[in-house]
Amino acid sequence: MAYRVHRMGGDVRIRQKQASRDRDVARLRSGEVGRLSLQAENDFFRGLNLSAFHIAAIGDRPLEVEPAH
């Protein structure tokens, strides 16, 4: 499967992000959504099972010593 990569200028992304923030503010002010609901919608990690993640190292530095088998 071939993937196409689209690159946009930084100014385009800045405008998109601001438009999204403006929509969020309007939704909050209108009462369409509550603060906690909006936070959940915008949470990047919301769909991940964080209990399944383990950070073993940062760079080349282990965070804990693995037990010998």
N, C-alpha and C. Protein backbone atom coordinates (compact mmCIF):
# COMPACT_ATOMS: atom_id res chain seq x y z
N MET A 1 0.85 -1.18 0.00
CA MET A 1 0.00 0.00 0.00
C MET A 1 0.89 1.24 0.00
N ALA A 2 0.61 2.15 -0.88
CA ALA A 2 1.40 3.38 -0.97
C ALA A 2 0.71 4.49 -0.17
N TYR A 3 1.50 5.23 0.56
CA TYR A 3 0.98 6.34 1.34
C TYR A 3 1.42 7.65 0.70
N ARG A 4 0.54 8.61 0.75
CA ARG A 4 0.88 9.94 0.27
C ARG A 4 1.01 10.85 1.48
N VAL A 5 2.06 11.60 1.51
CA VAL A 5 2.30 12.51 2.62
C VAL A 5 2.00 13.92 2.14
N HIS A 6 1.13 14.59 2.86
CA HIS A 6 0.79 15.97 2.54
C HIS A 6 1.45 16.87 3.57
N ARG A 7 2.19 17.82 3.09
CA ARG A 7 2.84 18.78 4.00
C ARG A 7 2.19 20.14 3.80
N MET A 8 1.85 20.76 4.89
CA MET A 8 1.26 22.09 4.82
C MET A 8 2.19 23.08 5.51
N GLY A 9 2.06 24.31 5.14
CA GLY A 9 2.86 25.35 5.77
C GLY A 9 2.46 25.53 7.22
N GLY A 10 3.39 25.99 8.03
CA GLY A 10 3.12 26.19 9.44
C GLY A 10 1.99 27.17 9.70
N ASP A 11 1.85 28.18 8.85
CA ASP A 11 0.79 29.17 9.04
C ASP A 11 -0.59 28.56 8.84
N VAL A 12 -0.69 27.57 7.96
CA VAL A 12 -1.97 26.89 7.75
C VAL A 12 -2.35 26.13 9.02
N ARG A 13 -1.41 25.41 9.58
CA ARG A 13 -1.68 24.64 10.80
C ARG A 13 -2.02 25.55 11.97
N ILE A 14 -1.34 26.68 12.06
CA ILE A 14 -1.64 27.64 13.12
C ILE A 14 -3.08 28.12 13.02
N ARG A 15 -3.53 28.43 11.80
CA ARG A 15 -4.92 28.88 11.60
C ARG A 15 -5.92 27.77 11.93
N GLN A 16 -5.59 26.53 11.55
CA GLN A 16 -6.47 25.41 11.87
C GLN A 16 -6.61 25.22 13.38
N LYS A 17 -5.50 25.27 14.08
CA LYS A 17 -5.53 25.09 15.53
C LYS A 17 -6.31 26.21 16.21
N GLN A 18 -6.12 27.45 15.74
CA GLN A 18 -6.85 28.57 16.33
C GLN A 18 -8.34 28.44 16.06
N ALA A 19 -8.72 28.01 14.86
CA ALA A 19 -10.13 27.82 14.54
C ALA A 19 -10.74 26.75 15.45
N SER A 20 -9.99 25.70 15.73
CA SER A 20 -10.47 24.65 16.63
C SER A 20 -10.66 25.19 18.04
N ARG A 21 -9.71 26.00 18.50
CA ARG A 21 -9.84 26.61 19.84
C ARG A 21 -11.05 27.54 19.89
N ASP A 22 -11.25 28.31 18.83
CA ASP A 22 -12.40 29.23 18.78
C ASP A 22 -13.71 28.46 18.84
N ARG A 23 -13.79 27.32 18.12
CA ARG A 23 -15.00 26.48 18.17
C ARG A 23 -15.22 25.94 19.57
N ASP A 24 -14.14 25.51 20.22
CA ASP A 24 -14.25 24.99 21.58
C ASP A 24 -14.79 26.06 22.53
N VAL A 25 -14.28 27.28 22.42
CA VAL A 25 -14.74 28.37 23.29
C VAL A 25 -16.22 28.65 23.03
N ALA A 26 -16.62 28.68 21.77
CA ALA A 26 -18.02 28.93 21.44
C ALA A 26 -18.92 27.83 22.00
N ARG A 27 -18.49 26.59 21.90
CA ARG A 27 -19.28 25.47 22.43
C ARG A 27 -19.40 25.57 23.95
N LEU A 28 -18.31 25.96 24.62
CA LEU A 28 -18.36 26.12 26.07
C LEU A 28 -19.32 27.24 26.46
N ARG A 29 -19.21 28.38 25.79
CA ARG A 29 -20.05 29.53 26.12
C ARG A 29 -21.52 29.24 25.87
N SER A 30 -21.83 28.46 24.83
CA SER A 30 -23.23 28.17 24.50
C SER A 30 -23.81 27.10 25.42
N GLY A 31 -22.95 26.40 26.14
CA GLY A 31 -23.42 25.32 27.00
C GLY A 31 -23.58 24.01 26.27
N GLU A 32 -23.17 23.97 25.01
CA GLU A 32 -23.27 22.74 24.22
C GLU A 32 -22.45 21.62 24.84
N VAL A 33 -21.35 22.02 25.47
CA VAL A 33 -20.46 21.04 26.07
C VAL A 33 -19.90 21.63 27.36
N GLY A 34 -19.64 20.75 28.32
CA GLY A 34 -19.05 21.19 29.58
C GLY A 34 -17.53 21.12 29.51
N ARG A 35 -16.89 21.76 30.48
CA ARG A 35 -15.43 21.82 30.50
C ARG A 35 -14.79 20.43 30.56
N LEU A 36 -15.31 19.57 31.42
CA LEU A 36 -14.73 18.23 31.55
C LEU A 36 -14.95 17.40 30.30
N SER A 37 -16.12 17.53 29.68
CA SER A 37 -16.39 16.80 28.44
C SER A 37 -15.46 17.26 27.33
N LEU A 38 -15.24 18.56 27.25
CA LEU A 38 -14.36 19.10 26.23
C LEU A 38 -12.92 18.64 26.46
N GLN A 39 -12.50 18.62 27.71
CA GLN A 39 -11.16 18.12 28.02
C GLN A 39 -11.01 16.67 27.57
N ALA A 40 -12.04 15.87 27.81
CA ALA A 40 -11.99 14.46 27.40
C ALA A 40 -11.93 14.34 25.88
N GLU A 41 -12.71 15.16 25.17
CA GLU A 41 -12.68 15.14 23.71
C GLU A 41 -11.29 15.47 23.17
N ASN A 42 -10.63 16.42 23.80
CA ASN A 42 -9.34 16.90 23.31
C ASN A 42 -8.15 16.12 23.86
N ASP A 43 -8.40 15.13 24.69
CA ASP A 43 -7.32 14.37 25.32
C ASP A 43 -6.70 13.40 24.31
N PHE A 44 -5.45 13.66 23.95
CA PHE A 44 -4.74 12.83 22.98
C PHE A 44 -4.64 11.38 23.43
N PHE A 45 -4.48 11.16 24.72
CA PHE A 45 -4.27 9.81 25.25
C PHE A 45 -5.56 9.09 25.62
N ARG A 46 -6.70 9.70 25.39
CA ARG A 46 -7.99 9.17 25.82
C ARG A 46 -8.23 7.73 25.35
N GLY A 47 -7.87 7.42 24.11
CA GLY A 47 -8.16 6.10 23.57
C GLY A 47 -7.10 5.05 23.86
N LEU A 48 -6.08 5.42 24.60
CA LEU A 48 -5.00 4.47 24.87
C LEU A 48 -5.17 3.81 26.23
N ASN A 49 -4.80 2.56 26.30
CA ASN A 49 -4.79 1.84 27.57
C ASN A 49 -3.43 2.09 28.22
N LEU A 50 -3.34 3.13 29.03
CA LEU A 50 -2.06 3.52 29.59
C LEU A 50 -1.50 2.50 30.57
N SER A 51 -2.36 1.64 31.12
CA SER A 51 -1.85 0.63 32.04
C SER A 51 -1.00 -0.41 31.31
N ALA A 52 -1.11 -0.47 29.99
CA ALA A 52 -0.33 -1.43 29.22
C ALA A 52 1.04 -0.88 28.83
N PHE A 53 1.32 0.38 29.14
CA PHE A 53 2.60 0.99 28.76
C PHE A 53 3.60 0.88 29.90
N HIS A 54 4.83 0.71 29.52
CA HIS A 54 5.92 0.67 30.49
C HIS A 54 7.11 1.39 29.88
N ILE A 55 7.62 2.37 30.56
CA ILE A 55 8.80 3.09 30.09
C ILE A 55 10.01 2.43 30.74
N ALA A 56 10.84 1.81 29.92
CA ALA A 56 11.99 1.08 30.43
C ALA A 56 13.25 1.94 30.43
N ALA A 57 13.30 2.91 29.51
CA ALA A 57 14.51 3.73 29.41
C ALA A 57 14.17 5.05 28.74
N ILE A 58 14.98 6.01 29.02
CA ILE A 58 14.92 7.29 28.32
C ILE A 58 16.27 7.46 27.67
N GLY A 59 16.28 7.45 26.34
CA GLY A 59 17.55 7.44 25.64
C GLY A 59 18.25 6.13 25.92
N ASP A 60 19.48 6.19 26.32
CA ASP A 60 20.24 4.97 26.64
C ASP A 60 20.27 4.68 28.13
N ARG A 61 19.48 5.43 28.90
CA ARG A 61 19.54 5.28 30.36
C ARG A 61 18.32 4.51 30.86
N PRO A 62 18.53 3.31 31.38
CA PRO A 62 17.41 2.53 31.91
C PRO A 62 16.84 3.20 33.16
N LEU A 63 15.52 3.10 33.32
CA LEU A 63 14.89 3.69 34.49
C LEU A 63 14.90 2.74 35.68
N GLU A 64 15.01 1.45 35.40
CA GLU A 64 15.10 0.47 36.47
C GLU A 64 15.92 -0.70 35.97
N VAL A 65 16.49 -1.42 36.89
CA VAL A 65 17.30 -2.57 36.52
C VAL A 65 16.38 -3.76 36.33
N GLU A 66 16.52 -4.43 35.20
CA GLU A 66 15.74 -5.64 34.94
C GLU A 66 16.25 -6.77 35.83
N PRO A 67 15.35 -7.53 36.45
CA PRO A 67 15.80 -8.65 37.28
C PRO A 67 16.46 -9.74 36.43
N ALA A 68 17.49 -10.37 37.00
CA ALA A 68 18.18 -11.46 36.28
C ALA A 68 17.27 -12.67 36.24
N HIS A 69 17.31 -13.39 35.13
CA HIS A 69 16.48 -14.61 34.99
C HIS A 69 17.25 -15.83 35.30
